[in-house]
């Protein structure tokens, strides 16, 4: 008998890849998404009669699903910096009310709960690399806090349900994921650079470009999420790539792989509390789940650029 997973946010970039993996593993999947940042294209490419269905719904409203459910997966939250200022209240609501409604669904169905948390809960970290016991350095009054603090609240709520109701939970803290199906206008550095390079625009580099990120290809992230969801382990577990890359190095790599003649244009930092360095400590997840990303940046960016070439050609 097929296991059933409700995937909130399943029409998004990571959601598409994760639902694809679940379908390949023989799951019945119910995608729940209000399409605020998810796309009809992703939904249409995933739907399969009897195996994958779509419910257009805002998780900030209570959710009823008929039939048995084995897993509830919460990927439902805009995660791009441009969204932090565009829809800040909506982000805080989906982290709080949305997580609550999905937990209530999991409780009613006696299902496991998988939470997509984030490296953003570490804020602008004062320890490096960031390990799961680090409680973070977040500016609660800054523009990024709607996402940072929203995700921190969500983790606390999930732990509370775990303690109060013995609900099986799994928490993954995701670091800087990229790959096909990213939105061209989502404001993340990889999508920005790819679109700018392919359309001959200057690559906009904020600050000196020495700030670092650890870029994880989406298929590597999905492997970790699937292993965690189907385990008996709660977490939280960092998930990402431990190879640290400066934003300047990323810009140079995108220009090289795209064959673009674009130049690099420096601009002032948008937010002073943007993290200066970010790299996950993966010791815990390696030992517990045998998780290790395998896609190098050149390979991942090459496949991502192919996706954006298609998107740009259609515009």
C-alpha atoms as a PDB file:
ATOM      1  CA  UNK A   1       0.000   0.000   0.000  1.00  0.00           C
ATOM      2  CA  UNK A   2       1.305   3.438  -0.940  1.00  0.00           C
ATOM      3  CA  UNK A   3       2.260   5.883   1.807  1.00  0.00           C
ATOM      4  CA  UNK A   4       0.538   9.265   1.537  1.00  0.00           C
ATOM      5  CA  UNK A   5       2.379  12.548   2.025  1.00  0.00           C
ATOM      6  CA  UNK A   6       0.783  15.989   2.190  1.00  0.00           C
ATOM      7  CA  UNK A   7       3.391  18.461   0.931  1.00  0.00           C
ATOM      8  CA  UNK A   8       2.600  22.088   1.731  1.00  0.00           C
ATOM      9  CA  UNK A   9       4.557  24.330  -0.622  1.00  0.00           C
ATOM     10  CA  UNK A  10       4.875  21.484  -3.102  1.00  0.00           C
ATOM     11  CA  UNK A  11       4.492  23.825  -6.096  1.00  0.00           C
ATOM     12  CA  UNK A  12       7.679  25.704  -5.245  1.00  0.00           C
ATOM     13  CA  UNK A  13      11.273  25.194  -6.314  1.00  0.00           C
ATOM     14  CA  UNK A  14      12.306  22.753  -3.573  1.00  0.00           C
ATOM     15  CA  UNK A  15       8.754  21.434  -3.394  1.00  0.00           C
ATOM     16  CA  UNK A  16       8.851  20.334  -7.029  1.00  0.00           C
ATOM     17  CA  UNK A  17      12.069  18.394  -6.524  1.00  0.00           C
ATOM     18  CA  UNK A  18      10.882  16.794  -3.295  1.00  0.00           C
ATOM     19  CA  UNK A  19       7.484  15.766  -4.680  1.00  0.00           C
ATOM     20  CA  UNK A  20       9.244  14.289  -7.715  1.00  0.00           C
ATOM     21  CA  UNK A  21      11.389  12.193  -5.387  1.00  0.00           C
ATOM     22  CA  UNK A  22       8.362  11.005  -3.406  1.00  0.00           C
ATOM     23  CA  UNK A  23       6.551   9.984  -6.586  1.00  0.00           C
ATOM     24  CA  UNK A  24       9.627   8.072  -7.759  1.00  0.00           C
ATOM     25  CA  UNK A  25       9.649   6.292  -4.405  1.00  0.00           C
ATOM     26  CA  UNK A  26       6.032   5.196  -4.886  1.00  0.00           C
ATOM     27  CA  UNK A  27       4.251   7.691  -2.631  1.00  0.00           C
ATOM     28  CA  UNK A  28       0.794   9.125  -3.106  1.00  0.00           C
ATOM     29  CA  UNK A  29       1.299  12.898  -2.830  1.00  0.00           C
ATOM     30  CA  UNK A  30      -1.178  15.675  -2.099  1.00  0.00           C
ATOM     31  CA  UNK A  31       0.331  19.059  -2.979  1.00  0.00           C
ATOM     32  CA  UNK A  32      -1.060  21.967  -0.968  1.00  0.00           C
ATOM     33  CA  UNK A  33      -0.059  25.423  -2.210  1.00  0.00           C
ATOM     34  CA  UNK A  34      -1.638  28.854  -2.597  1.00  0.00           C
ATOM     35  CA  UNK A  35       0.701  29.639  -5.531  1.00  0.00           C
ATOM     36  CA  UNK A  36       1.988  32.814  -3.885  1.00  0.00           C
ATOM     37  CA  UNK A  37       5.492  31.812  -4.965  1.00  0.00           C
ATOM     38  CA  UNK A  38       4.830  28.345  -6.356  1.00  0.00           C
ATOM     39  CA  UNK A  39       3.887  27.973 -10.019  1.00  0.00           C
ATOM     40  CA  UNK A  40       1.171  26.373 -12.114  1.00  0.00           C
ATOM     41  CA  UNK A  41       3.958  24.966 -14.286  1.00  0.00           C
ATOM     42  CA  UNK A  42       5.407  22.981 -11.412  1.00  0.00           C
ATOM     43  CA  UNK A  43       1.976  21.645 -10.463  1.00  0.00           C
ATOM     44  CA  UNK A  44       1.097  20.669 -14.022  1.00  0.00           C
ATOM     45  CA  UNK A  45       4.412  18.865 -14.475  1.00  0.00           C
ATOM     46  CA  UNK A  46       3.836  16.847 -11.293  1.00  0.00           C
ATOM     47  CA  UNK A  47       0.201  15.813 -11.477  1.00  0.00           C
ATOM     48  CA  UNK A  48      -0.378  12.093 -12.020  1.00  0.00           C
ATOM     49  CA  UNK A  49      -3.770  10.440 -11.970  1.00  0.00           C
ATOM     50  CA  UNK A  50      -4.276   8.448  -8.754  1.00  0.00           C
ATOM     51  CA  UNK A  51      -0.755   9.269  -7.511  1.00  0.00           C
ATOM     52  CA  UNK A  52      -0.424  13.054  -7.240  1.00  0.00           C
ATOM     53  CA  UNK A  53      -3.166  15.618  -6.675  1.00  0.00           C
ATOM     54  CA  UNK A  54      -3.245  19.355  -6.064  1.00  0.00           C
ATOM     55  CA  UNK A  55      -5.206  21.374  -3.506  1.00  0.00           C
ATOM     56  CA  UNK A  56      -4.968  25.144  -3.952  1.00  0.00           C
ATOM     57  CA  UNK A  57      -5.113  26.376  -0.374  1.00  0.00           C
ATOM     58  CA  UNK A  58      -3.484  28.875   1.994  1.00  0.00           C
ATOM     59  CA  UNK A  59      -2.149  26.962   4.998  1.00  0.00           C
ATOM     60  CA  UNK A  60      -2.880  29.986   7.185  1.00  0.00           C
ATOM     61  CA  UNK A  61      -6.436  28.661   7.040  1.00  0.00           C
ATOM     62  CA  UNK A  62      -7.345  25.293   8.602  1.00  0.00           C
ATOM     63  CA  UNK A  63      -6.880  22.350   6.278  1.00  0.00           C
ATOM     64  CA  UNK A  64      -8.996  19.212   5.892  1.00  0.00           C
ATOM     65  CA  UNK A  65      -7.693  16.229   3.946  1.00  0.00           C
ATOM     66  CA  UNK A  66      -9.747  13.085   3.445  1.00  0.00           C
ATOM     67  CA  UNK A  67      -8.281   9.642   3.919  1.00  0.00           C
ATOM     68  CA  UNK A  68      -5.168   8.451   5.733  1.00  0.00           C
ATOM     69  CA  UNK A  69      -1.995  10.542   5.779  1.00  0.00           C
ATOM     70  CA  UNK A  70       1.407   9.174   6.781  1.00  0.00           C
ATOM     71  CA  UNK A  71       3.545  12.307   6.459  1.00  0.00           C
ATOM     72  CA  UNK A  72       2.890  16.041   6.587  1.00  0.00           C
ATOM     73  CA  UNK A  73       5.719  18.062   5.016  1.00  0.00           C
ATOM     74  CA  UNK A  74       5.986  21.808   5.615  1.00  0.00           C
ATOM     75  CA  UNK A  75       7.842  23.534   2.783  1.00  0.00           C
ATOM     76  CA  UNK A  76       5.320  26.391   2.730  1.00  0.00           C
ATOM     77  CA  UNK A  77       7.073  29.699   3.205  1.00  0.00           C
ATOM     78  CA  UNK A  78       8.477  32.305   0.800  1.00  0.00           C
ATOM     79  CA  UNK A  79      12.239  32.153   1.319  1.00  0.00           C
ATOM     80  CA  UNK A  80      13.664  34.858  -0.908  1.00  0.00           C
ATOM     81  CA  UNK A  81      15.094  38.130   0.435  1.00  0.00           C
ATOM     82  CA  UNK A  82      12.850  40.115  -1.927  1.00  0.00           C
ATOM     83  CA  UNK A  83       9.838  38.556  -0.224  1.00  0.00           C
ATOM     84  CA  UNK A  84      10.969  39.692   3.225  1.00  0.00           C
ATOM     85  CA  UNK A  85      10.054  43.277   2.322  1.00  0.00           C
ATOM     86  CA  UNK A  86       7.306  42.468  -0.210  1.00  0.00           C
ATOM     87  CA  UNK A  87       5.110  40.237   1.983  1.00  0.00           C
ATOM     88  CA  UNK A  88       6.531  40.357   5.541  1.00  0.00           C
ATOM     89  CA  UNK A  89       3.244  39.829   7.398  1.00  0.00           C
ATOM     90  CA  UNK A  90       2.327  36.894   5.156  1.00  0.00           C
ATOM     91  CA  UNK A  91       5.692  35.272   5.899  1.00  0.00           C
ATOM     92  CA  UNK A  92       5.209  35.567   9.650  1.00  0.00           C
ATOM     93  CA  UNK A  93       1.667  34.200   9.360  1.00  0.00           C
ATOM     94  CA  UNK A  94       2.699  31.154   7.344  1.00  0.00           C
ATOM     95  CA  UNK A  95       5.494  30.398   9.831  1.00  0.00           C
ATOM     96  CA  UNK A  96       3.117  30.659  12.784  1.00  0.00           C
ATOM     97  CA  UNK A  97      -0.507  30.024  11.767  1.00  0.00           C
ATOM     98  CA  UNK A  98       0.477  27.873   8.811  1.00  0.00           C
ATOM     99  CA  UNK A  99       2.750  25.645  10.868  1.00  0.00           C
ATOM    100  CA  UNK A 100       0.047  25.354  13.536  1.00  0.00           C
ATOM    101  CA  UNK A 101      -2.590  24.251  10.999  1.00  0.00           C
ATOM    102  CA  UNK A 102      -0.253  21.680   9.464  1.00  0.00           C
ATOM    103  CA  UNK A 103       0.662  20.342  12.909  1.00  0.00           C
ATOM    104  CA  UNK A 104      -3.030  20.003  13.705  1.00  0.00           C
ATOM    105  CA  UNK A 105      -3.495  18.035  10.485  1.00  0.00           C
ATOM    106  CA  UNK A 106      -0.584  15.753  11.384  1.00  0.00           C
ATOM    107  CA  UNK A 107      -1.937  15.295  14.908  1.00  0.00           C
ATOM    108  CA  UNK A 108      -5.411  14.394  13.607  1.00  0.00           C
ATOM    109  CA  UNK A 109      -3.956  11.959  11.069  1.00  0.00           C
ATOM    110  CA  UNK A 110      -1.295  10.584  13.438  1.00  0.00           C
ATOM    111  CA  UNK A 111       1.283  11.430  10.808  1.00  0.00           C
ATOM    112  CA  UNK A 112       4.995  12.227  10.941  1.00  0.00           C
ATOM    113  CA  UNK A 113       5.841  15.922  10.552  1.00  0.00           C
ATOM    114  CA  UNK A 114       8.797  17.122   8.456  1.00  0.00           C
ATOM    115  CA  UNK A 115       9.762  20.789   8.778  1.00  0.00           C
ATOM    116  CA  UNK A 116      11.883  22.719   6.308  1.00  0.00           C
ATOM    117  CA  UNK A 117      13.657  25.100   8.655  1.00  0.00           C
ATOM    118  CA  UNK A 118      16.561  27.281   7.611  1.00  0.00           C
ATOM    119  CA  UNK A 119      20.126  28.393   8.213  1.00  0.00           C
ATOM    120  CA  UNK A 120      18.623  31.869   8.610  1.00  0.00           C
ATOM    121  CA  UNK A 121      17.745  31.026  12.211  1.00  0.00           C
ATOM    122  CA  UNK A 122      21.477  31.445  12.958  1.00  0.00           C
ATOM    123  CA  UNK A 123      21.260  35.081  11.814  1.00  0.00           C
ATOM    124  CA  UNK A 124      24.620  36.746  11.190  1.00  0.00           C
ATOM    125  CA  UNK A 125      26.517  34.006  13.034  1.00  0.00           C
ATOM    126  CA  UNK A 126      29.271  34.639  15.539  1.00  0.00           C
ATOM    127  CA  UNK A 127      30.500  31.026  15.301  1.00  0.00           C
ATOM    128  CA  UNK A 128      31.800  29.321  12.180  1.00  0.00           C
ATOM    129  CA  UNK A 129      30.847  26.853  10.849  1.00  0.00           C
ATOM    130  CA  UNK A 130      27.319  26.809  12.291  1.00  0.00           C
ATOM    131  CA  UNK A 131      26.343  23.732  14.287  1.00  0.00           C
ATOM    132  CA  UNK A 132      22.886  22.728  15.450  1.00  0.00           C
ATOM    133  CA  UNK A 133      23.499  23.650  19.097  1.00  0.00           C
ATOM    134  CA  UNK A 134      24.259  27.277  18.213  1.00  0.00           C
ATOM    135  CA  UNK A 135      21.296  29.477  19.156  1.00  0.00           C
ATOM    136  CA  UNK A 136      22.077  32.219  16.683  1.00  0.00           C
ATOM    137  CA  UNK A 137      22.607  35.977  16.415  1.00  0.00           C
ATOM    138  CA  UNK A 138      19.404  37.437  14.980  1.00  0.00           C
ATOM    139  CA  UNK A 139      18.460  41.109  14.813  1.00  0.00           C
ATOM    140  CA  UNK A 140      14.786  40.790  15.727  1.00  0.00           C
ATOM    141  CA  UNK A 141      14.053  44.320  14.469  1.00  0.00           C
ATOM    142  CA  UNK A 142      15.721  43.876  11.073  1.00  0.00           C
ATOM    143  CA  UNK A 143      13.919  43.228   7.781  1.00  0.00           C
ATOM    144  CA  UNK A 144      15.187  39.632   7.627  1.00  0.00           C
ATOM    145  CA  UNK A 145      13.699  38.869  11.046  1.00  0.00           C
ATOM    146  CA  UNK A 146      10.244  38.133   9.655  1.00  0.00           C
ATOM    147  CA  UNK A 147      11.727  34.973   8.145  1.00  0.00           C
ATOM    148  CA  UNK A 148      14.465  34.265  10.718  1.00  0.00           C
ATOM    149  CA  UNK A 149      12.226  34.620  13.751  1.00  0.00           C
ATOM    150  CA  UNK A 150       9.265  33.041  11.983  1.00  0.00           C
ATOM    151  CA  UNK A 151      11.246  29.872  11.409  1.00  0.00           C
ATOM    152  CA  UNK A 152      12.586  29.910  14.968  1.00  0.00           C
ATOM    153  CA  UNK A 153       9.019  30.143  16.264  1.00  0.00           C
ATOM    154  CA  UNK A 154       7.975  27.281  13.982  1.00  0.00           C
ATOM    155  CA  UNK A 155      10.722  25.050  15.387  1.00  0.00           C
ATOM    156  CA  UNK A 156       9.609  25.837  18.938  1.00  0.00           C
ATOM    157  CA  UNK A 157       5.989  25.036  18.077  1.00  0.00           C
ATOM    158  CA  UNK A 158       6.980  21.711  16.517  1.00  0.00           C
ATOM    159  CA  UNK A 159       9.071  20.744  19.551  1.00  0.00           C
ATOM    160  CA  UNK A 160       6.075  21.605  21.745  1.00  0.00           C
ATOM    161  CA  UNK A 161       3.766  19.302  19.780  1.00  0.00           C
ATOM    162  CA  UNK A 162       6.412  16.601  19.966  1.00  0.00           C
ATOM    163  CA  UNK A 163       6.575  16.889  23.765  1.00  0.00           C
ATOM    164  CA  UNK A 164       2.864  17.367  24.394  1.00  0.00           C
ATOM    165  CA  UNK A 165       1.446  14.822  21.946  1.00  0.00           C
ATOM    166  CA  UNK A 166       4.401  12.508  21.234  1.00  0.00           C
ATOM    167  CA  UNK A 167       4.193  13.526  17.580  1.00  0.00           C
ATOM    168  CA  UNK A 168       7.013  12.141  15.410  1.00  0.00           C
ATOM    169  CA  UNK A 169       8.895  15.155  14.075  1.00  0.00           C
ATOM    170  CA  UNK A 170      11.839  15.788  11.777  1.00  0.00           C
ATOM    171  CA  UNK A 171      13.513  19.198  11.409  1.00  0.00           C
ATOM    172  CA  UNK A 172      15.988  20.102   8.651  1.00  0.00           C
ATOM    173  CA  UNK A 173      17.838  23.424   8.650  1.00  0.00           C
ATOM    174  CA  UNK A 174      18.409  24.168   4.984  1.00  0.00           C
ATOM    175  CA  UNK A 175      21.406  26.127   3.663  1.00  0.00           C
ATOM    176  CA  UNK A 176      21.348  28.064   0.352  1.00  0.00           C
ATOM    177  CA  UNK A 177      19.806  25.640  -2.104  1.00  0.00           C
ATOM    178  CA  UNK A 178      19.883  26.221  -5.869  1.00  0.00           C
ATOM    179  CA  UNK A 179      18.969  24.370  -9.048  1.00  0.00           C
ATOM    180  CA  UNK A 180      16.389  24.044 -11.834  1.00  0.00           C
ATOM    181  CA  UNK A 181      12.875  25.406 -11.177  1.00  0.00           C
ATOM    182  CA  UNK A 182      14.108  28.462  -9.300  1.00  0.00           C
ATOM    183  CA  UNK A 183      12.030  31.525 -10.205  1.00  0.00           C
ATOM    184  CA  UNK A 184      13.969  34.025 -12.329  1.00  0.00           C
ATOM    185  CA  UNK A 185      12.689  36.923 -10.207  1.00  0.00           C
ATOM    186  CA  UNK A 186      13.039  35.369  -6.764  1.00  0.00           C
ATOM    187  CA  UNK A 187      15.918  37.641  -5.745  1.00  0.00           C
ATOM    188  CA  UNK A 188      18.363  34.961  -4.631  1.00  0.00           C
ATOM    189  CA  UNK A 189      21.952  35.387  -5.668  1.00  0.00           C
ATOM    190  CA  UNK A 190      22.140  32.306  -7.924  1.00  0.00           C
ATOM    191  CA  UNK A 191      19.003  33.140  -9.887  1.00  0.00           C
ATOM    192  CA  UNK A 192      19.999  36.819 -10.083  1.00  0.00           C
ATOM    193  CA  UNK A 193      23.433  36.024 -11.478  1.00  0.00           C
ATOM    194  CA  UNK A 194      22.181  33.383 -13.929  1.00  0.00           C
ATOM    195  CA  UNK A 195      19.494  35.613 -15.433  1.00  0.00           C
ATOM    196  CA  UNK A 196      21.793  38.639 -15.564  1.00  0.00           C
ATOM    197  CA  UNK A 197      24.566  36.666 -17.260  1.00  0.00           C
ATOM    198  CA  UNK A 198      22.230  35.087 -19.827  1.00  0.00           C
ATOM    199  CA  UNK A 199      20.622  38.418 -20.725  1.00  0.00           C
ATOM    200  CA  UNK A 200      23.890  40.388 -20.927  1.00  0.00           C
ATOM    201  CA  UNK A 201      23.204  42.530 -17.861  1.00  0.00           C
ATOM    202  CA  UNK A 202      25.876  43.393 -15.273  1.00  0.00           C
ATOM    203  CA  UNK A 203      25.975  40.982 -12.342  1.00  0.00           C
ATOM    204  CA  UNK A 204      25.044  43.026  -9.282  1.00  0.00           C
ATOM    205  CA  UNK A 205      27.400  42.351  -6.384  1.00  0.00           C
ATOM    206  CA  UNK A 206      26.364  43.876  -3.063  1.00  0.00           C
ATOM    207  CA  UNK A 207      29.254  44.907  -0.831  1.00  0.00           C
ATOM    208  CA  UNK A 208      32.753  43.683  -1.532  1.00  0.00           C
ATOM    209  CA  UNK A 209      31.610  40.204  -2.568  1.00  0.00           C
ATOM    210  CA  UNK A 210      33.719  38.509   0.090  1.00  0.00           C
ATOM    211  CA  UNK A 211      30.648  37.345   2.043  1.00  0.00           C
ATOM    212  CA  UNK A 212      30.356  33.574   1.746  1.00  0.00           C
ATOM    213  CA  UNK A 213      27.625  31.007   1.301  1.00  0.00           C
ATOM    214  CA  UNK A 214      27.610  27.230   1.018  1.00  0.00           C
ATOM    215  CA  UNK A 215      25.598  26.407  -2.097  1.00  0.00           C
ATOM    216  CA  UNK A 216      23.783  23.063  -2.141  1.00  0.00           C
ATOM    217  CA  UNK A 217      22.314  21.589  -5.322  1.00  0.00           C
ATOM    218  CA  UNK A 218      18.626  20.810  -4.918  1.00  0.00           C
ATOM    219  CA  UNK A 219      18.912  17.060  -5.590  1.00  0.00           C
ATOM    220  CA  UNK A 220      21.457  16.748  -2.771  1.00  0.00           C
ATOM    221  CA  UNK A 221      19.106  18.559  -0.404  1.00  0.00           C
ATOM    222  CA  UNK A 222      16.180  16.339  -1.402  1.00  0.00           C
ATOM    223  CA  UNK A 223      18.240  13.242  -0.656  1.00  0.00           C
ATOM    224  CA  UNK A 224      18.800  14.497   2.873  1.00  0.00           C
ATOM    225  CA  UNK A 225      15.164  15.477   3.372  1.00  0.00           C
ATOM    226  CA  UNK A 226      13.959  12.069   2.223  1.00  0.00           C
ATOM    227  CA  UNK A 227      16.385  10.216   4.483  1.00  0.00           C
ATOM    228  CA  UNK A 228      15.320  12.336   7.444  1.00  0.00           C
ATOM    229  CA  UNK A 229      11.579  12.020   6.781  1.00  0.00           C
ATOM    230  CA  UNK A 230      11.732   8.232   6.559  1.00  0.00           C
ATOM    231  CA  UNK A 231      13.924   7.886   9.660  1.00  0.00           C
ATOM    232  CA  UNK A 232      12.988   7.896  13.327  1.00  0.00           C
ATOM    233  CA  UNK A 233      15.251  10.863  14.014  1.00  0.00           C
ATOM    234  CA  UNK A 234      13.940  14.263  15.103  1.00  0.00           C
ATOM    235  CA  UNK A 235      16.826  16.637  14.554  1.00  0.00           C
ATOM    236  CA  UNK A 236      17.342  19.457  13.997  1.00  0.00           C
ATOM    237  CA  UNK A 237      19.877  18.595  11.329  1.00  0.00           C
ATOM    238  CA  UNK A 238      21.795  21.022   9.147  1.00  0.00           C
ATOM    239  CA  UNK A 239      21.433  20.193   5.458  1.00  0.00           C
ATOM    240  CA  UNK A 240      23.553  21.785   2.800  1.00  0.00           C
ATOM    241  CA  UNK A 241      26.997  21.722   1.256  1.00  0.00           C
ATOM    242  CA  UNK A 242      30.035  22.276   3.446  1.00  0.00           C
ATOM    243  CA  UNK A 243      32.055  23.856   0.596  1.00  0.00           C
ATOM    244  CA  UNK A 244      32.209  27.600   1.262  1.00  0.00           C
ATOM    245  CA  UNK A 245      32.157  29.976  -1.723  1.00  0.00           C
ATOM    246  CA  UNK A 246      32.374  33.764  -1.797  1.00  0.00           C
ATOM    247  CA  UNK A 247      29.682  35.644  -3.690  1.00  0.00           C
ATOM    248  CA  UNK A 248      32.418  37.110  -5.916  1.00  0.00           C
ATOM    249  CA  UNK A 249      33.636  33.603  -6.753  1.00  0.00           C
ATOM    250  CA  UNK A 250      30.072  32.602  -7.593  1.00  0.00           C
ATOM    251  CA  UNK A 251      29.705  35.577  -9.971  1.00  0.00           C
ATOM    252  CA  UNK A 252      32.947  34.690 -11.746  1.00  0.00           C
ATOM    253  CA  UNK A 253      31.851  31.056 -12.059  1.00  0.00           C
ATOM    254  CA  UNK A 254      28.455  31.969 -13.544  1.00  0.00           C
ATOM    255  CA  UNK A 255      30.090  34.269 -16.119  1.00  0.00           C
ATOM    256  CA  UNK A 256      32.573  31.552 -17.052  1.00  0.00           C
ATOM    257  CA  UNK A 257      30.026  28.733 -17.398  1.00  0.00           C
ATOM    258  CA  UNK A 258      27.466  30.837 -19.253  1.00  0.00           C
ATOM    259  CA  UNK A 259      30.000  32.264 -21.694  1.00  0.00           C
ATOM    260  CA  UNK A 260      28.598  35.687 -20.888  1.00  0.00           C
ATOM    261  CA  UNK A 261      30.287  39.018 -21.599  1.00  0.00           C
ATOM    262  CA  UNK A 262      28.582  40.564 -18.567  1.00  0.00           C
ATOM    263  CA  UNK A 263      30.638  42.641 -16.177  1.00  0.00           C
ATOM    264  CA  UNK A 264      30.341  42.807 -12.388  1.00  0.00           C
ATOM    265  CA  UNK A 265      28.709  45.896 -10.885  1.00  0.00           C
ATOM    266  CA  UNK A 266      29.323  46.631  -7.201  1.00  0.00           C
ATOM    267  CA  UNK A 267      26.530  48.147  -5.117  1.00  0.00           C
ATOM    268  CA  UNK A 268      26.205  48.967  -1.393  1.00  0.00           C
ATOM    269  CA  UNK A 269      24.921  46.241   0.909  1.00  0.00           C
ATOM    270  CA  UNK A 270      21.135  46.196   1.069  1.00  0.00           C
ATOM    271  CA  UNK A 271      20.926  45.053   4.686  1.00  0.00           C
ATOM    272  CA  UNK A 272      23.706  45.498   7.273  1.00  0.00           C
ATOM    273  CA  UNK A 273      22.621  42.324   9.103  1.00  0.00           C
ATOM    274  CA  UNK A 274      23.065  40.063   6.064  1.00  0.00           C
ATOM    275  CA  UNK A 275      25.209  37.096   7.161  1.00  0.00           C
ATOM    276  CA  UNK A 276      28.878  37.594   6.345  1.00  0.00           C
ATOM    277  CA  UNK A 277      29.842  33.924   6.453  1.00  0.00           C
ATOM    278  CA  UNK A 278      27.695  30.844   6.270  1.00  0.00           C
ATOM    279  CA  UNK A 279      28.732  27.180   6.259  1.00  0.00           C
ATOM    280  CA  UNK A 280      26.941  24.261   7.886  1.00  0.00           C
ATOM    281  CA  UNK A 281      28.618  21.879  10.294  1.00  0.00           C
ATOM    282  CA  UNK A 282      27.475  18.519   8.894  1.00  0.00           C
ATOM    283  CA  UNK A 283      29.017  16.164  11.455  1.00  0.00           C
ATOM    284  CA  UNK A 284      25.691  15.325  13.092  1.00  0.00           C
ATOM    285  CA  UNK A 285      23.778  14.567   9.893  1.00  0.00           C
ATOM    286  CA  UNK A 286      26.686  12.621   8.396  1.00  0.00           C
ATOM    287  CA  UNK A 287      26.810  10.342  11.424  1.00  0.00           C
ATOM    288  CA  UNK A 288      23.041   9.961  11.813  1.00  0.00           C
ATOM    289  CA  UNK A 289      21.902   9.680   8.195  1.00  0.00           C
ATOM    290  CA  UNK A 290      25.039   9.143   6.134  1.00  0.00           C
ATOM    291  CA  UNK A 291      24.226  12.408   4.365  1.00  0.00           C
ATOM    292  CA  UNK A 292      26.854  13.909   2.080  1.00  0.00           C
ATOM    293  CA  UNK A 293      26.214  16.209  -0.900  1.00  0.00           C
ATOM    294  CA  UNK A 294      27.800  14.908  -4.097  1.00  0.00           C
ATOM    295  CA  UNK A 295      27.150  17.651  -6.693  1.00  0.00           C
ATOM    296  CA  UNK A 296      30.019  20.109  -7.152  1.00  0.00           C
ATOM    297  CA  UNK A 297      29.290  23.755  -7.911  1.00  0.00           C
ATOM    298  CA  UNK A 298      30.359  23.565 -11.558  1.00  0.00           C
ATOM    299  CA  UNK A 299      28.035  20.650 -12.287  1.00  0.00           C
ATOM    300  CA  UNK A 300      25.131  22.162 -10.379  1.00  0.00           C
ATOM    301  CA  UNK A 301      25.480  25.595 -11.948  1.00  0.00           C
ATOM    302  CA  UNK A 302      25.720  24.084 -15.438  1.00  0.00           C
ATOM    303  CA  UNK A 303      22.366  22.345 -14.951  1.00  0.00           C
ATOM    304  CA  UNK A 304      20.854  25.443 -13.362  1.00  0.00           C
ATOM    305  CA  UNK A 305      21.977  27.624 -16.256  1.00  0.00           C
ATOM    306  CA  UNK A 306      20.316  25.210 -18.695  1.00  0.00           C
ATOM    307  CA  UNK A 307      17.032  25.730 -16.846  1.00  0.00           C
ATOM    308  CA  UNK A 308      17.375  29.512 -16.946  1.00  0.00           C
ATOM    309  CA  UNK A 309      18.290  29.461 -20.646  1.00  0.00           C
ATOM    310  CA  UNK A 310      14.938  27.794 -21.262  1.00  0.00           C
ATOM    311  CA  UNK A 311      13.121  30.291 -19.054  1.00  0.00           C
ATOM    312  CA  UNK A 312      14.795  33.310 -20.681  1.00  0.00           C
ATOM    313  CA  UNK A 313      14.049  31.990 -24.187  1.00  0.00           C
ATOM    314  CA  UNK A 314      10.356  31.748 -23.292  1.00  0.00           C
ATOM    315  CA  UNK A 315      10.089  35.340 -22.097  1.00  0.00           C
END
